Amino acid sequence: MSPVKRVKHAVYDLKYRFVWIPKYRKLILKEPVAQSVEEIFYGIAARYGLEIDTLEVMPDCVYLFLSAPPKHRPSRVVQIIKSISARELSVVTPR
């Protein structure tokens, strides 16, 4: 059992599971890109106070299981991670 987290007016243990799949399930998340995706996701998590429990980058999808504070709704967590990672990944791997 994971420890409960506390903020000023709440006690919580929120866990979210997200799966991202590239368009047409193309195998684009191979080794050089996969390593960059992991580094970017961990950087975003540290910046926004998210705790990544499990992150698995496969050639055709990304599985993410994380804990987030109650101030971030699940749609906002997805928006944060997808927008920032897309921007940073486009700099790392230009078309």
C-alpha atoms as a PDB file:
ATOM      1  CA  MET A   1       0.000   0.000   0.000  1.00  0.00           C
ATOM      2  CA  SER A   2       1.391   3.350  -0.999  1.00  0.00           C
ATOM      3  CA  PRO A   3       1.644   6.175   1.513  1.00  0.00           C
ATOM      4  CA  VAL A   4      -1.021   8.836   1.457  1.00  0.00           C
ATOM      5  CA  LYS A   5       0.080  12.290   0.423  1.00  0.00           C
ATOM      6  CA  ARG A   6      -0.990  15.508   2.068  1.00  0.00           C
ATOM      7  CA  VAL A   7      -1.452  19.067   0.937  1.00  0.00           C
ATOM      8  CA  LYS A   8      -2.842  22.012   2.864  1.00  0.00           C
ATOM      9  CA  HIS A   9      -6.523  21.005   2.720  1.00  0.00           C
ATOM     10  CA  ALA A  10      -6.507  17.434   1.426  1.00  0.00           C
ATOM     11  CA  VAL A  11      -5.211  13.938   1.947  1.00  0.00           C
ATOM     12  CA  TYR A  12      -4.969  11.993  -1.299  1.00  0.00           C
ATOM     13  CA  ASP A  13      -3.625   9.027  -3.199  1.00  0.00           C
ATOM     14  CA  LEU A  14      -4.664   9.665  -6.811  1.00  0.00           C
ATOM     15  CA  LYS A  15      -3.253   7.320  -9.435  1.00  0.00           C
ATOM     16  CA  TYR A  16      -3.830   7.661 -13.171  1.00  0.00           C
ATOM     17  CA  ARG A  17      -3.017   5.274 -15.998  1.00  0.00           C
ATOM     18  CA  PHE A  18      -2.482   6.728 -19.463  1.00  0.00           C
ATOM     19  CA  VAL A  19      -1.670   5.080 -22.784  1.00  0.00           C
ATOM     20  CA  TRP A  20      -0.463   7.008 -25.836  1.00  0.00           C
ATOM     21  CA  ILE A  21      -0.472   5.417 -29.269  1.00  0.00           C
ATOM     22  CA  PRO A  22       1.201   7.004 -32.339  1.00  0.00           C
ATOM     23  CA  LYS A  23      -0.960   7.542 -35.400  1.00  0.00           C
ATOM     24  CA  TYR A  24      -1.611   4.270 -37.245  1.00  0.00           C
ATOM     25  CA  ARG A  25       0.352   2.563 -34.441  1.00  0.00           C
ATOM     26  CA  LYS A  26       3.596   3.184 -36.307  1.00  0.00           C
ATOM     27  CA  LEU A  27       6.756   1.830 -34.701  1.00  0.00           C
ATOM     28  CA  ILE A  28       8.434   5.208 -34.169  1.00  0.00           C
ATOM     29  CA  LEU A  29       9.322   4.937 -30.477  1.00  0.00           C
ATOM     30  CA  LYS A  30      12.505   2.933 -30.983  1.00  0.00           C
ATOM     31  CA  GLU A  31      15.669   3.306 -28.909  1.00  0.00           C
ATOM     32  CA  PRO A  32      17.016   6.834 -29.493  1.00  0.00           C
ATOM     33  CA  VAL A  33      13.521   8.333 -29.364  1.00  0.00           C
ATOM     34  CA  ALA A  34      12.404   6.087 -26.495  1.00  0.00           C
ATOM     35  CA  GLN A  35      15.242   7.295 -24.264  1.00  0.00           C
ATOM     36  CA  SER A  36      14.387  10.925 -25.041  1.00  0.00           C
ATOM     37  CA  VAL A  37      10.707  10.310 -24.255  1.00  0.00           C
ATOM     38  CA  GLU A  38      11.608   8.842 -20.851  1.00  0.00           C
ATOM     39  CA  GLU A  39      13.889  11.762 -19.974  1.00  0.00           C
ATOM     40  CA  ILE A  40      11.283  14.303 -21.080  1.00  0.00           C
ATOM     41  CA  PHE A  41       8.469  12.615 -19.114  1.00  0.00           C
ATOM     42  CA  TYR A  42      10.548  12.450 -15.916  1.00  0.00           C
ATOM     43  CA  GLY A  43      11.523  16.106 -16.348  1.00  0.00           C
ATOM     44  CA  ILE A  44       7.892  17.151 -16.762  1.00  0.00           C
ATOM     45  CA  ALA A  45       6.886  15.095 -13.733  1.00  0.00           C
ATOM     46  CA  ALA A  46       9.517  16.773 -11.582  1.00  0.00           C
ATOM     47  CA  ARG A  47       8.478  20.226 -12.795  1.00  0.00           C
ATOM     48  CA  TYR A  48       4.756  19.744 -12.051  1.00  0.00           C
ATOM     49  CA  GLY A  49       4.924  17.656  -8.859  1.00  0.00           C
ATOM     50  CA  LEU A  50       3.813  14.403 -10.483  1.00  0.00           C
ATOM     51  CA  GLU A  51       5.215  11.065  -9.350  1.00  0.00           C
ATOM     52  CA  ILE A  52       5.769   8.504 -12.090  1.00  0.00           C
ATOM     53  CA  ASP A  53       5.234   4.999 -10.752  1.00  0.00           C
ATOM     54  CA  THR A  54       5.670   3.110 -14.028  1.00  0.00           C
ATOM     55  CA  LEU A  55       6.749   4.343 -17.447  1.00  0.00           C
ATOM     56  CA  GLU A  56       7.158   1.909 -20.303  1.00  0.00           C
ATOM     57  CA  VAL A  57       8.020   3.098 -23.798  1.00  0.00           C
ATOM     58  CA  MET A  58       7.364   0.424 -26.417  1.00  0.00           C
ATOM     59  CA  PRO A  59       7.911   0.850 -30.178  1.00  0.00           C
ATOM     60  CA  ASP A  60       4.176   1.368 -30.780  1.00  0.00           C
ATOM     61  CA  CYS A  61       2.873   2.909 -27.529  1.00  0.00           C
ATOM     62  CA  VAL A  62       3.708   4.549 -24.189  1.00  0.00           C
ATOM     63  CA  TYR A  63       2.258   3.297 -20.885  1.00  0.00           C
ATOM     64  CA  LEU A  64       2.317   5.723 -17.981  1.00  0.00           C
ATOM     65  CA  PHE A  65       1.099   5.123 -14.431  1.00  0.00           C
ATOM     66  CA  LEU A  66       1.490   8.138 -12.155  1.00  0.00           C
ATOM     67  CA  SER A  67       0.291   9.920  -9.058  1.00  0.00           C
ATOM     68  CA  ALA A  68      -0.829  13.541  -9.266  1.00  0.00           C
ATOM     69  CA  PRO A  69      -1.926  16.114  -6.693  1.00  0.00           C
ATOM     70  CA  PRO A  70      -5.668  16.892  -6.603  1.00  0.00           C
ATOM     71  CA  LYS A  71      -5.115  20.366  -8.074  1.00  0.00           C
ATOM     72  CA  HIS A  72      -4.495  18.695 -11.476  1.00  0.00           C
ATOM     73  CA  ARG A  73      -7.489  16.996 -13.082  1.00  0.00           C
ATOM     74  CA  PRO A  74      -6.684  14.001 -15.339  1.00  0.00           C
ATOM     75  CA  SER A  75      -7.353  15.935 -18.558  1.00  0.00           C
ATOM     76  CA  ARG A  76      -4.937  18.657 -17.426  1.00  0.00           C
ATOM     77  CA  VAL A  77      -2.243  16.070 -16.633  1.00  0.00           C
ATOM     78  CA  VAL A  78      -2.591  14.660 -20.159  1.00  0.00           C
ATOM     79  CA  GLN A  79      -2.525  18.155 -21.647  1.00  0.00           C
ATOM     80  CA  ILE A  80       0.637  19.057 -19.729  1.00  0.00           C
ATOM     81  CA  ILE A  81       2.507  15.887 -20.624  1.00  0.00           C
ATOM     82  CA  LYS A  82       1.458  15.705 -24.274  1.00  0.00           C
ATOM     83  CA  SER A  83       2.003  19.366 -25.128  1.00  0.00           C
ATOM     84  CA  ILE A  84       5.395  19.726 -23.466  1.00  0.00           C
ATOM     85  CA  SER A  85       6.705  16.349 -24.633  1.00  0.00           C
ATOM     86  CA  ALA A  86       5.587  17.018 -28.231  1.00  0.00           C
ATOM     87  CA  ARG A  87       7.411  20.358 -28.252  1.00  0.00           C
ATOM     88  CA  GLU A  88      10.579  19.016 -26.668  1.00  0.00           C
ATOM     89  CA  LEU A  89      10.597  15.834 -28.750  1.00  0.00           C
ATOM     90  CA  SER A  90      10.250  17.798 -31.984  1.00  0.00           C
ATOM     91  CA  VAL A  91      13.448  19.665 -31.062  1.00  0.00           C
ATOM     92  CA  VAL A  92      15.278  16.405 -30.332  1.00  0.00           C
ATOM     93  CA  THR A  93      14.078  14.576 -33.474  1.00  0.00           C
ATOM     94  CA  PRO A  94      13.431  17.012 -36.344  1.00  0.00           C
ATOM     95  CA  ARG A  95      11.430  15.717 -39.299  1.00  0.00           C
END
